[in-house]
């Protein structure tokens, strides 16, 4: 015997399952986008970015190794992340800021982004 209520219940469960799967896939795609270089590109002439590259090159090791971001070194990816993560009104040295207590959380984010850390 056909029970419309049972059929409707099965369809409802199927739709909920599909929504759950779609949500998981979307979350995975978001994580992949972050790893692929989701930041705004820094203008190559930006003085803060240039300063970050110079300071990082002089004071840190391993910055010229390739980062997970295609076409970027770890140092370039790190400085791009720092440039994007600091407030727009920040006027200081990005790399030095990353060493400060206030910059610690951003530093952790950017080291992870560039795959460059201790």
Protein backbone atom coordinates (compact mmCIF):
# COMPACT_ATOMS: atom_id res chain seq x y z
CA UNK A 1 0.00 0.00 0.00
CA UNK A 2 1.26 3.48 -0.91
CA UNK A 3 1.86 5.88 2.00
CA UNK A 4 2.34 9.47 0.79
CA UNK A 5 3.58 10.58 4.19
CA UNK A 6 6.37 7.97 4.26
CA UNK A 7 7.40 8.87 0.71
CA UNK A 8 7.48 12.57 1.60
CA UNK A 9 9.56 11.79 4.69
CA UNK A 10 12.10 9.85 2.58
CA UNK A 11 12.37 12.73 0.08
CA UNK A 12 12.82 15.21 2.93
CA UNK A 13 15.68 13.13 4.40
CA UNK A 14 17.29 12.85 0.98
CA UNK A 15 17.17 16.63 0.47
CA UNK A 16 18.69 17.23 3.92
CA UNK A 17 21.50 14.79 3.10
CA UNK A 18 22.22 16.54 -0.18
CA UNK A 19 22.33 19.94 1.54
CA UNK A 20 24.76 18.57 4.13
CA UNK A 21 27.04 17.13 1.44
CA UNK A 22 26.92 20.38 -0.56
CA UNK A 23 27.85 22.35 2.57
CA UNK A 24 30.87 20.14 3.22
CA UNK A 25 32.02 20.47 -0.40
CA UNK A 26 31.61 24.25 -0.28
CA UNK A 27 33.63 24.45 2.94
CA UNK A 28 36.40 22.39 1.34
CA UNK A 29 36.44 24.68 -1.69
CA UNK A 30 36.75 27.71 0.58
CA UNK A 31 39.77 26.22 2.34
CA UNK A 32 41.36 25.43 -1.03
CA UNK A 33 40.81 29.00 -2.22
CA UNK A 34 42.67 30.32 0.83
CA UNK A 35 45.58 27.98 0.16
CA UNK A 36 45.66 28.94 -3.51
CA UNK A 37 46.29 32.64 -2.89
CA UNK A 38 43.06 34.40 -2.07
CA UNK A 39 44.60 37.75 -1.03
CA UNK A 40 44.54 41.00 -2.97
CA UNK A 41 47.68 41.40 -5.03
CA UNK A 42 50.10 43.95 -3.62
CA UNK A 43 51.26 46.64 -6.04
CA UNK A 44 54.93 45.83 -6.70
CA UNK A 45 55.85 49.46 -6.01
CA UNK A 46 54.24 49.50 -2.54
CA UNK A 47 56.87 50.77 -0.05
CA UNK A 48 55.62 48.64 2.87
CA UNK A 49 55.72 45.49 0.77
CA UNK A 50 59.23 46.29 -0.50
CA UNK A 51 60.36 47.01 3.07
CA UNK A 52 58.89 43.71 4.25
CA UNK A 53 60.73 41.81 1.51
CA UNK A 54 64.05 43.55 2.29
CA UNK A 55 63.74 43.02 6.05
CA UNK A 56 62.68 39.39 5.62
CA UNK A 57 65.51 38.68 3.20
CA UNK A 58 68.06 40.13 5.62
CA UNK A 59 66.71 38.70 8.88
CA UNK A 60 65.06 35.36 8.09
CA UNK A 61 66.16 32.14 6.40
CA UNK A 62 64.36 30.09 3.77
CA UNK A 63 62.32 32.92 2.29
CA UNK A 64 63.41 32.25 -1.28
CA UNK A 65 61.97 28.73 -1.26
CA UNK A 66 58.72 28.23 -3.19
CA UNK A 67 55.52 28.81 -1.24
CA UNK A 68 52.22 26.95 -1.74
CA UNK A 69 51.13 29.98 -3.80
CA UNK A 70 52.05 29.42 -7.44
CA UNK A 71 54.80 31.79 -8.60
CA UNK A 72 55.60 33.16 -5.12
CA UNK A 73 58.44 32.58 -2.73
CA UNK A 74 57.66 32.04 0.92
CA UNK A 75 58.90 35.56 1.63
CA UNK A 76 56.64 37.13 -1.02
CA UNK A 77 53.61 35.14 0.18
CA UNK A 78 54.33 36.09 3.80
CA UNK A 79 54.67 39.80 2.99
CA UNK A 80 51.55 39.73 0.81
CA UNK A 81 49.62 38.17 3.68
CA UNK A 82 50.98 40.71 6.19
CA UNK A 83 50.08 43.56 3.83
CA UNK A 84 46.52 42.25 3.51
CA UNK A 85 46.00 41.32 7.17
CA UNK A 86 47.17 44.55 8.81
CA UNK A 87 44.74 47.47 9.05
CA UNK A 88 44.74 49.89 6.12
CA UNK A 89 45.99 52.71 8.33
CA UNK A 90 49.06 50.74 9.49
CA UNK A 91 52.17 52.62 8.34
CA UNK A 92 55.00 50.66 10.00
CA UNK A 93 57.31 47.83 9.01
CA UNK A 94 55.17 44.77 8.36
CA UNK A 95 57.89 42.22 9.15
CA UNK A 96 58.86 43.96 12.41
CA UNK A 97 55.18 44.16 13.34
CA UNK A 98 54.92 40.40 12.87
CA UNK A 99 57.54 40.01 15.62
CA UNK A 100 55.59 42.13 18.12
CA UNK A 101 53.06 40.86 20.67
CA UNK A 102 50.28 42.66 18.74
CA UNK A 103 51.37 41.08 15.47
CA UNK A 104 51.72 37.53 16.81
CA UNK A 105 48.33 36.26 15.60
CA UNK A 106 48.76 37.78 12.12
CA UNK A 107 52.28 36.34 12.01
CA UNK A 108 50.94 32.85 12.71
CA UNK A 109 48.32 33.25 9.97
CA UNK A 110 50.88 34.48 7.45
CA UNK A 111 53.50 31.86 8.30
CA UNK A 112 50.87 29.20 7.72
CA UNK A 113 49.74 30.86 4.47
CA UNK A 114 53.33 30.96 3.17
CA UNK A 115 54.27 27.60 4.69
CA UNK A 116 57.17 29.41 6.31
CA UNK A 117 57.77 29.02 10.01
CA UNK A 118 59.96 27.57 12.71
